[in-house]
Amino acid sequence: MREPLDPVLRPIDIFAGARDASRPEDRLREVRKRAARLREELLSAPPVPCYRSRGLVRVPYPTRYALRDAFRGPTPFVHILNRVFLVQFEAEGRLRTLLASPSDIRANAETPFFKRLGGMFGPFKDLGQRIIAPELGTVESCLAEAGLSPEDIDYITYDHLHTQDVRRWLGTQGRPGFLPRAKLLVMRQEWESTLALAPPQRDWYCPGGIDGVDPSRIVLLDGDTKLGESVVLMATPGHTEGNHSIVVRTSEGIFVTSENGVGPDAYAPRASRIPGLRRYAEDTGMEVVINGNTLERGLDQYISMVQEKEVAGASRQNPDFPAMVSSSELSAYALFPGVTPTFSFGDLTLGKPARPTRDDTKTRAADAALSV
């Protein structure tokens, strides 16, 4: 595993070789065992001083992808709520700020699948967009609410790059980004995939979404990486080849964020009241219901979801479900009846955000010089 130049980022090898066995059941067993070890390690770490999530936009999503073969009902679409997460953590003697899943809503709408969906409204596209995909907030408003400036953000990350256009945040040649210091933390495989997509992937990536970004703003990770003592970017391939999960030790336990599943119901189908999920789990023995729009690596995705929920553990709000705070969480919507989540987290506010001190600002000039 290559060492990033940034000393805040520390590769860890807790899952190294866990999926090497030829027998899938052995892989699953080994991943589960090591997930318990990571959970124990993180629970001994201090909680991050600030963890927040805020809704950005609700988007329609085919039920056949969100809940695969488990759902029993006529509703062809569900609503998923895209959120942005603000995490502050201590590392290298000072406070750092990470934004997870900051979405440029308007630019992301150019993703081919969603662009075609919006085109179904014809001349009423704008009205249809407001009804079917209502915007709830922006990254800018989230920062303002937290009392932070764009310069305060050290890193951004996404569990994967489906639908994401990062140019607004990082800038391109001749156009500065909104987040002047932030670096994108991304798994190397995810970045390489985005540079040369195959047709089954292409429908879900925003055209040109990474074009012209200064390479010094990109930090390529080669596996599980720790940020300070209380945050881990955990490789969880499956939904995409380069998928990772954002794992955070908070004051309410460990929260894990990804889009491998669309909410707590997908991670605990036997406890779900969504039509079909419990029966599906009982009939098949499936522990989870994968979010399968691309099925790049379906078996790996299943194992990754088990890994995620084992690291997260039971939610303190509802112990029937793991503390999986999905980046795109299933939500109820009147136009899509019959698919109401049994349990969801909603927006979370743990701790109070803090601005960097004057000494921090001096240190940041040195940090900005680090590149990969």
Protein backbone atom coordinates (compact mmCIF):
# COMPACT_ATOMS: atom_id res chain seq x y z
CA MET A 1 0.00 0.00 0.00
CA ARG A 2 1.42 3.38 -1.00
CA GLU A 3 1.83 6.05 1.64
CA PRO A 4 0.09 9.37 0.83
CA LEU A 5 2.29 12.44 1.25
CA ASP A 6 -0.26 14.00 3.59
CA PRO A 7 0.66 12.90 7.16
CA VAL A 8 -3.00 13.15 8.22
CA LEU A 9 -3.78 10.11 6.05
CA ARG A 10 -2.53 6.81 7.46
CA PRO A 11 -3.06 3.53 5.58
CA ILE A 12 -4.26 0.64 7.74
CA ASP A 13 -4.17 -3.06 6.88
CA ILE A 14 -6.89 -4.51 9.09
CA PHE A 15 -8.75 -5.95 6.07
CA ALA A 16 -5.65 -6.84 4.02
CA GLY A 17 -6.17 -10.28 2.47
CA ALA A 18 -9.62 -10.71 4.04
CA ARG A 19 -11.20 -11.47 0.64
CA ASP A 20 -8.45 -13.69 -0.73
CA ALA A 21 -10.08 -17.05 0.05
CA SER A 22 -11.48 -18.96 -2.93
CA ARG A 23 -14.65 -19.86 -1.02
CA PRO A 24 -17.12 -16.95 -0.74
CA GLU A 25 -18.39 -18.07 2.67
CA ASP A 26 -14.83 -17.98 4.00
CA ARG A 27 -14.42 -14.42 2.68
CA LEU A 28 -17.63 -13.34 4.36
CA ARG A 29 -16.61 -14.94 7.66
CA GLU A 30 -13.16 -13.34 7.61
CA VAL A 31 -14.49 -9.88 6.75
CA ARG A 32 -17.04 -10.12 9.53
CA LYS A 33 -14.35 -11.07 12.04
CA ARG A 34 -12.08 -8.20 11.06
CA ALA A 35 -14.98 -5.73 11.04
CA ALA A 36 -15.52 -6.56 14.72
CA ARG A 37 -11.86 -5.73 15.36
CA LEU A 38 -12.11 -2.36 13.63
CA ARG A 39 -15.28 -1.56 15.55
CA GLU A 40 -13.58 -2.33 18.86
CA GLU A 41 -10.60 -0.19 17.89
CA LEU A 42 -12.75 2.79 16.92
CA LEU A 43 -14.89 2.58 20.04
CA SER A 44 -11.72 3.06 22.07
CA ALA A 45 -10.94 6.27 20.12
CA PRO A 46 -12.31 9.69 21.15
CA PRO A 47 -15.51 10.83 19.42
CA VAL A 48 -15.10 13.48 16.75
CA PRO A 49 -15.99 16.95 18.07
CA CYS A 50 -18.51 17.60 15.28
CA TYR A 51 -20.66 15.45 12.99
CA ARG A 52 -23.51 16.92 10.95
CA SER A 53 -25.67 15.79 8.05
CA ARG A 54 -28.00 17.95 6.00
CA GLY A 55 -30.40 17.12 3.16
CA LEU A 56 -29.63 18.56 -0.27
CA VAL A 57 -32.10 17.09 -2.76
CA ARG A 58 -34.67 14.32 -3.10
CA VAL A 59 -34.39 12.38 -6.33
CA PRO A 60 -36.54 9.64 -7.93
CA TYR A 61 -34.80 6.30 -8.22
CA PRO A 62 -36.11 3.05 -9.70
CA THR A 63 -37.37 0.65 -7.06
CA ARG A 64 -35.83 -2.25 -8.98
CA TYR A 65 -32.40 -0.74 -8.26
CA ALA A 66 -32.97 0.54 -4.73
CA LEU A 67 -34.45 -2.68 -3.34
CA ARG A 68 -33.56 -5.17 -6.08
CA ASP A 69 -35.62 -8.38 -5.90
CA ALA A 70 -36.93 -7.83 -2.38
CA PHE A 71 -39.74 -5.28 -2.83
CA ARG A 72 -43.28 -6.51 -3.41
CA GLY A 73 -45.45 -3.70 -4.70
CA PRO A 74 -46.43 -1.73 -7.80
CA THR A 75 -44.42 1.45 -7.13
CA PRO A 76 -41.81 1.83 -9.90
CA PHE A 77 -39.88 4.61 -8.17
CA VAL A 78 -38.77 5.53 -4.68
CA HIS A 79 -37.37 8.77 -3.35
CA ILE A 80 -33.80 8.87 -2.10
CA LEU A 81 -32.53 11.84 -0.14
CA ASN A 82 -28.98 12.95 -0.96
CA ARG A 83 -27.17 14.40 2.04
CA VAL A 84 -23.93 16.22 2.73
CA PHE A 85 -21.93 15.37 5.85
CA LEU A 86 -19.65 17.70 7.79
CA VAL A 87 -17.08 15.98 10.00
CA GLN A 88 -14.44 17.67 12.12
CA PHE A 89 -11.63 15.59 13.63
CA GLU A 90 -8.29 16.09 15.34
CA ALA A 91 -5.10 15.12 13.50
CA GLU A 92 -1.48 16.23 13.58
CA GLY A 93 -2.16 18.65 16.42
CA ARG A 94 -5.10 20.55 15.02
CA LEU A 95 -8.71 20.43 13.91
CA ARG A 96 -9.44 19.25 10.35
CA THR A 97 -12.69 19.49 8.42
CA LEU A 98 -14.03 16.92 5.98
CA LEU A 99 -17.08 17.30 3.73
CA ALA A 100 -18.54 13.99 2.58
CA SER A 101 -20.84 13.92 -0.45
CA PRO A 102 -20.96 17.65 -1.29
CA SER A 103 -23.19 17.58 -4.39
CA ASP A 104 -23.40 20.22 -7.11
CA ILE A 105 -27.10 19.57 -7.69
CA ARG A 106 -27.50 21.42 -11.01
CA ALA A 107 -24.31 20.04 -12.57
CA ASN A 108 -25.05 16.52 -11.38
CA ALA A 109 -28.39 16.63 -13.23
CA GLU A 110 -26.37 16.12 -16.43
CA THR A 111 -25.79 12.50 -15.45
CA PRO A 112 -27.26 10.60 -18.43
CA PHE A 113 -29.77 8.50 -16.48
CA PHE A 114 -31.23 11.47 -14.60
CA LYS A 115 -31.09 13.74 -17.63
CA ARG A 116 -33.28 11.30 -19.56
CA LEU A 117 -35.62 11.03 -16.60
CA GLY A 118 -35.98 14.81 -16.44
CA GLY A 119 -36.58 14.95 -20.19
CA MET A 120 -39.79 12.95 -19.77
CA PHE A 121 -41.53 16.17 -18.68
CA GLY A 122 -40.86 17.88 -22.03
CA PRO A 123 -41.75 21.60 -21.92
CA PHE A 124 -42.74 21.21 -18.25
CA LYS A 125 -39.27 20.02 -17.27
CA ASP A 126 -38.60 22.79 -14.72
CA LEU A 127 -41.96 22.31 -13.00
CA GLY A 128 -41.57 18.54 -13.03
CA GLN A 129 -38.11 18.86 -11.55
CA ARG A 130 -39.42 20.92 -8.64
CA ILE A 131 -42.16 18.36 -7.95
CA ILE A 132 -40.24 15.14 -8.47
CA ALA A 133 -36.77 16.28 -7.34
CA PRO A 134 -37.23 19.11 -4.83
CA GLU A 135 -34.08 20.85 -3.62
CA LEU A 136 -33.79 21.16 0.16
CA GLY A 137 -30.47 22.89 0.65
CA THR A 138 -27.03 23.58 -0.74
CA VAL A 139 -23.47 22.92 0.31
CA GLU A 140 -23.06 26.68 0.66
CA SER A 141 -26.03 26.95 3.05
CA CYS A 142 -24.75 24.00 5.06
CA LEU A 143 -21.41 25.73 5.60
CA ALA A 144 -23.09 29.02 6.44
CA GLU A 145 -25.31 27.32 9.02
CA ALA A 146 -22.23 25.76 10.58
CA GLY A 147 -20.45 29.12 10.69
CA LEU A 148 -17.65 27.90 8.42
CA SER A 149 -16.09 29.47 5.35
CA PRO A 150 -15.05 27.65 2.16
CA GLU A 151 -11.41 28.10 3.22
CA ASP A 152 -12.06 26.01 6.34
CA ILE A 153 -12.59 22.77 4.39
CA ASP A 154 -9.51 20.55 4.26
CA TYR A 155 -10.92 17.54 2.41
CA ILE A 156 -13.92 16.34 0.45
CA THR A 157 -14.81 12.74 -0.31
CA TYR A 158 -17.57 10.64 -1.87
CA ASP A 159 -18.25 6.96 -1.25
CA HIS A 160 -18.11 6.72 -5.07
CA LEU A 161 -18.32 9.16 -7.97
CA HIS A 162 -21.70 8.27 -9.49
CA THR A 163 -23.48 11.48 -10.60
CA GLN A 164 -20.77 13.72 -9.14
CA ASP A 165 -19.32 16.81 -10.83
CA VAL A 166 -16.49 17.99 -8.58
CA ARG A 167 -15.38 20.98 -10.66
CA ARG A 168 -17.44 23.54 -8.73
CA TRP A 169 -15.66 22.60 -5.52
CA LEU A 170 -12.10 22.05 -6.76
CA GLY A 171 -12.00 24.35 -9.77
CA THR A 172 -10.52 23.76 -13.20
CA GLN A 173 -7.89 25.41 -15.33
CA GLY A 174 -8.79 29.09 -15.37
CA ARG A 175 -11.68 28.78 -12.93
CA PRO A 176 -11.12 28.73 -9.16
CA GLY A 177 -13.13 26.31 -7.05
CA PHE A 178 -15.56 27.23 -4.29
CA LEU A 179 -13.42 25.28 -1.81
CA PRO A 180 -9.97 26.79 -2.43
CA ARG A 181 -7.97 24.48 -0.14
CA ALA A 182 -9.92 21.24 -0.19
CA LYS A 183 -8.49 18.05 -1.62
CA LEU A 184 -10.54 15.16 -2.94
CA LEU A 185 -9.89 11.83 -1.18
CA VAL A 186 -10.81 9.02 -3.56
CA MET A 187 -9.86 5.39 -4.04
CA ARG A 188 -7.43 4.97 -6.92
CA GLN A 189 -9.67 2.38 -8.61
CA GLU A 190 -12.65 4.74 -8.50
CA TRP A 191 -10.62 7.53 -10.09
CA GLU A 192 -9.20 5.25 -12.77
CA SER A 193 -12.67 3.88 -13.56
CA THR A 194 -14.03 7.39 -14.00
CA LEU A 195 -11.30 8.16 -16.55
CA ALA A 196 -12.32 5.29 -18.84
CA LEU A 197 -15.86 4.06 -18.25
CA ALA A 198 -17.41 0.98 -19.86
CA PRO A 199 -21.00 1.28 -21.19
CA PRO A 200 -22.66 -0.32 -18.12
CA GLN A 201 -21.05 2.36 -15.95
CA ARG A 202 -21.39 5.38 -18.22
CA ASP A 203 -25.07 6.04 -17.55
CA TRP A 204 -24.30 6.90 -13.90
CA TYR A 205 -21.29 9.19 -14.11
CA CYS A 206 -21.55 12.92 -14.82
CA PRO A 207 -19.96 13.69 -18.21
CA GLY A 208 -16.82 15.77 -17.74
CA GLY A 209 -17.32 15.85 -13.98
CA ILE A 210 -13.59 15.59 -13.26
CA ASP A 211 -12.22 17.25 -16.40
CA GLY A 212 -9.53 19.87 -15.92
CA VAL A 213 -9.17 19.44 -12.15
CA ASP A 214 -5.62 20.16 -10.95
CA PRO A 215 -4.02 16.76 -10.13
CA SER A 216 -2.52 18.27 -6.98
CA ARG A 217 -6.06 18.56 -5.58
CA ILE A 218 -6.62 14.80 -5.89
CA VAL A 219 -5.38 12.33 -3.26
CA LEU A 220 -5.53 8.75 -4.53
CA LEU A 221 -5.96 6.12 -1.82
CA ASP A 222 -4.96 2.49 -2.25
CA GLY A 223 -7.10 1.01 0.48
CA ASP A 224 -8.39 1.56 4.01
CA THR A 225 -7.14 4.89 5.34
CA LYS A 226 -7.38 6.45 8.78
CA LEU A 227 -7.84 10.20 9.31
CA GLY A 228 -6.73 11.01 12.82
CA GLU A 229 -7.90 8.40 15.32
CA SER A 230 -11.65 8.59 14.79
CA VAL A 231 -12.34 8.56 11.02
CA VAL A 232 -11.70 5.77 8.52
CA LEU A 233 -12.25 5.67 4.77
CA MET A 234 -12.92 1.95 4.40
CA ALA A 235 -12.67 0.22 1.03
CA THR A 236 -16.03 -1.46 0.33
CA PRO A 237 -16.02 -2.48 -3.34
CA GLY A 238 -19.17 -3.67 -5.04
CA HIS A 239 -21.56 -0.85 -5.88
CA THR A 240 -18.57 0.40 -7.87
CA GLU A 241 -15.11 -1.14 -8.11
CA GLY A 242 -13.62 1.75 -6.15
CA ASN A 243 -16.38 2.24 -3.59
CA HIS A 244 -15.46 3.23 -0.04
CA SER A 245 -17.39 3.96 3.15
CA ILE A 246 -16.97 6.88 5.54
CA VAL A 247 -16.67 5.53 9.09
CA VAL A 248 -16.85 8.02 11.97
CA ARG A 249 -16.64 7.53 15.71
CA THR A 250 -19.22 9.96 17.09
CA SER A 251 -20.68 10.70 20.51
CA GLU A 252 -23.55 8.33 19.58
CA GLY A 253 -21.33 5.45 18.54
CA ILE A 254 -20.01 4.62 15.08
CA PHE A 255 -21.79 5.89 11.97
CA VAL A 256 -21.00 4.36 8.57
CA THR A 257 -21.96 6.11 5.33
CA SER A 258 -22.10 4.75 1.80
CA GLU A 259 -24.57 4.01 -0.99
CA ASN A 260 -24.11 0.24 -1.03
CA GLY A 261 -27.57 0.21 0.56
CA VAL A 262 -30.28 2.88 0.49
CA GLY A 263 -31.00 3.02 4.20
CA PRO A 264 -31.36 1.03 7.42
CA ASP A 265 -34.12 -1.17 5.94
CA ALA A 266 -31.64 -2.46 3.36
CA TYR A 267 -29.21 -3.48 6.12
CA ALA A 268 -31.79 -5.19 8.33
CA PRO A 269 -34.53 -6.51 6.00
CA ARG A 270 -35.92 -8.91 8.63
CA ALA A 271 -36.89 -5.88 10.74
CA SER A 272 -38.34 -3.95 7.78
CA ARG A 273 -42.02 -3.19 7.25
CA ILE A 274 -41.49 -2.33 3.58
CA PRO A 275 -43.58 -4.84 1.58
CA GLY A 276 -41.54 -7.89 0.65
CA LEU A 277 -38.24 -7.22 2.44
CA ARG A 278 -38.78 -9.44 5.47
CA ARG A 279 -40.19 -12.28 3.39
CA TYR A 280 -37.30 -11.97 0.94
CA ALA A 281 -34.74 -12.21 3.75
CA GLU A 282 -36.49 -15.21 5.32
CA ASP A 283 -36.86 -17.07 2.00
CA THR A 284 -33.32 -16.47 0.74
CA GLY A 285 -31.23 -16.05 3.91
CA MET A 286 -30.00 -12.68 2.61
CA GLU A 287 -28.77 -10.41 5.40
CA VAL A 288 -28.91 -7.25 3.27
CA VAL A 289 -30.57 -5.85 0.16
CA ILE A 290 -28.05 -4.34 -2.22
CA ASN A 291 -28.46 -1.07 -4.12
CA GLY A 292 -27.95 -2.50 -7.58
CA ASN A 293 -28.08 -0.03 -10.43
CA THR A 294 -24.76 -1.15 -11.92
CA LEU A 295 -23.91 -4.46 -10.20
CA GLU A 296 -20.23 -3.99 -10.93
CA ARG A 297 -19.31 -6.59 -8.31
CA GLY A 298 -22.48 -7.94 -6.75
CA LEU A 299 -21.01 -10.56 -4.39
CA ASP A 300 -18.38 -8.11 -3.18
CA GLN A 301 -21.13 -5.57 -2.58
CA TYR A 302 -23.02 -8.05 -0.41
CA ILE A 303 -19.88 -8.76 1.63
CA SER A 304 -19.17 -5.01 1.87
CA MET A 305 -22.63 -4.32 3.26
CA VAL A 306 -22.14 -6.97 5.94
CA GLN A 307 -18.75 -5.40 6.68
CA GLU A 308 -20.33 -1.97 7.02
CA LYS A 309 -23.11 -3.00 9.36
CA GLU A 310 -20.74 -5.02 11.55
CA VAL A 311 -18.47 -1.99 11.96
CA ALA A 312 -21.44 0.30 12.62
CA GLY A 313 -23.18 -1.86 15.19
CA ALA A 314 -26.72 -1.28 16.39
CA SER A 315 -28.17 2.22 16.23
CA ARG A 316 -28.77 3.83 19.60
CA GLN A 317 -31.93 5.39 18.17
CA ASN A 318 -33.35 2.04 17.09
CA PRO A 319 -31.36 -1.10 18.00
CA ASP A 320 -33.27 -3.17 15.41
CA PHE A 321 -31.20 -1.44 12.74
CA PRO A 322 -27.48 -0.81 12.31
CA ALA A 323 -26.08 2.74 12.43
CA MET A 324 -25.88 2.96 8.64
CA VAL A 325 -26.39 6.58 7.60
CA SER A 326 -26.64 6.18 3.84
CA SER A 327 -25.43 9.00 1.62
CA SER A 328 -28.63 8.56 -0.42
CA GLU A 329 -31.27 7.48 2.08
CA LEU A 330 -34.65 6.05 1.20
CA SER A 331 -37.39 8.51 2.18
CA ALA A 332 -41.18 8.56 2.05
CA TYR A 333 -42.90 10.58 -0.67
CA ALA A 334 -46.62 10.94 -1.43
CA LEU A 335 -46.15 10.42 -5.18
CA PHE A 336 -44.44 7.07 -4.56
CA PRO A 337 -46.82 5.28 -2.16
CA GLY A 338 -46.08 1.98 -0.47
CA VAL A 339 -42.38 2.52 0.19
CA THR A 340 -42.02 4.15 3.59
CA PRO A 341 -38.80 3.43 5.49
CA THR A 342 -39.30 1.62 8.77
CA PHE A 343 -36.53 3.71 10.31
CA SER A 344 -34.37 6.55 9.04
CA PHE A 345 -31.90 8.92 10.62
CA GLY A 346 -32.88 12.28 9.18
CA ASP A 347 -30.52 15.21 9.63
CA LEU A 348 -28.01 14.72 12.45
CA THR A 349 -26.33 17.36 14.61
CA LEU A 350 -23.67 16.13 17.02
CA GLY A 351 -21.30 18.69 18.49
CA LYS A 352 -20.63 22.26 17.45
CA PRO A 353 -18.46 23.21 14.47
CA ALA A 354 -15.35 25.27 15.20
CA ARG A 355 -13.38 27.69 13.05
CA PRO A 356 -9.60 27.20 12.74
CA THR A 357 -7.46 29.33 15.02
CA ARG A 358 -4.93 31.83 13.74
CA ASP A 359 -2.13 29.33 14.34
CA ASP A 360 -4.10 26.77 12.34
CA THR A 361 -4.23 29.19 9.42
CA LYS A 362 -0.44 29.41 9.36
CA THR A 363 -0.19 25.63 9.37
CA ARG A 364 -2.67 25.41 6.52
CA ALA A 365 -0.29 27.19 4.15
CA ALA A 366 2.16 24.31 4.60
CA ASP A 367 -0.63 21.74 4.20
CA ALA A 368 -1.68 23.31 0.91
CA ALA A 369 1.76 22.59 -0.53
CA LEU A 370 1.29 18.83 -0.09
CA SER A 371 0.32 17.02 -3.29
CA VAL A 372 0.22 13.52 -4.60
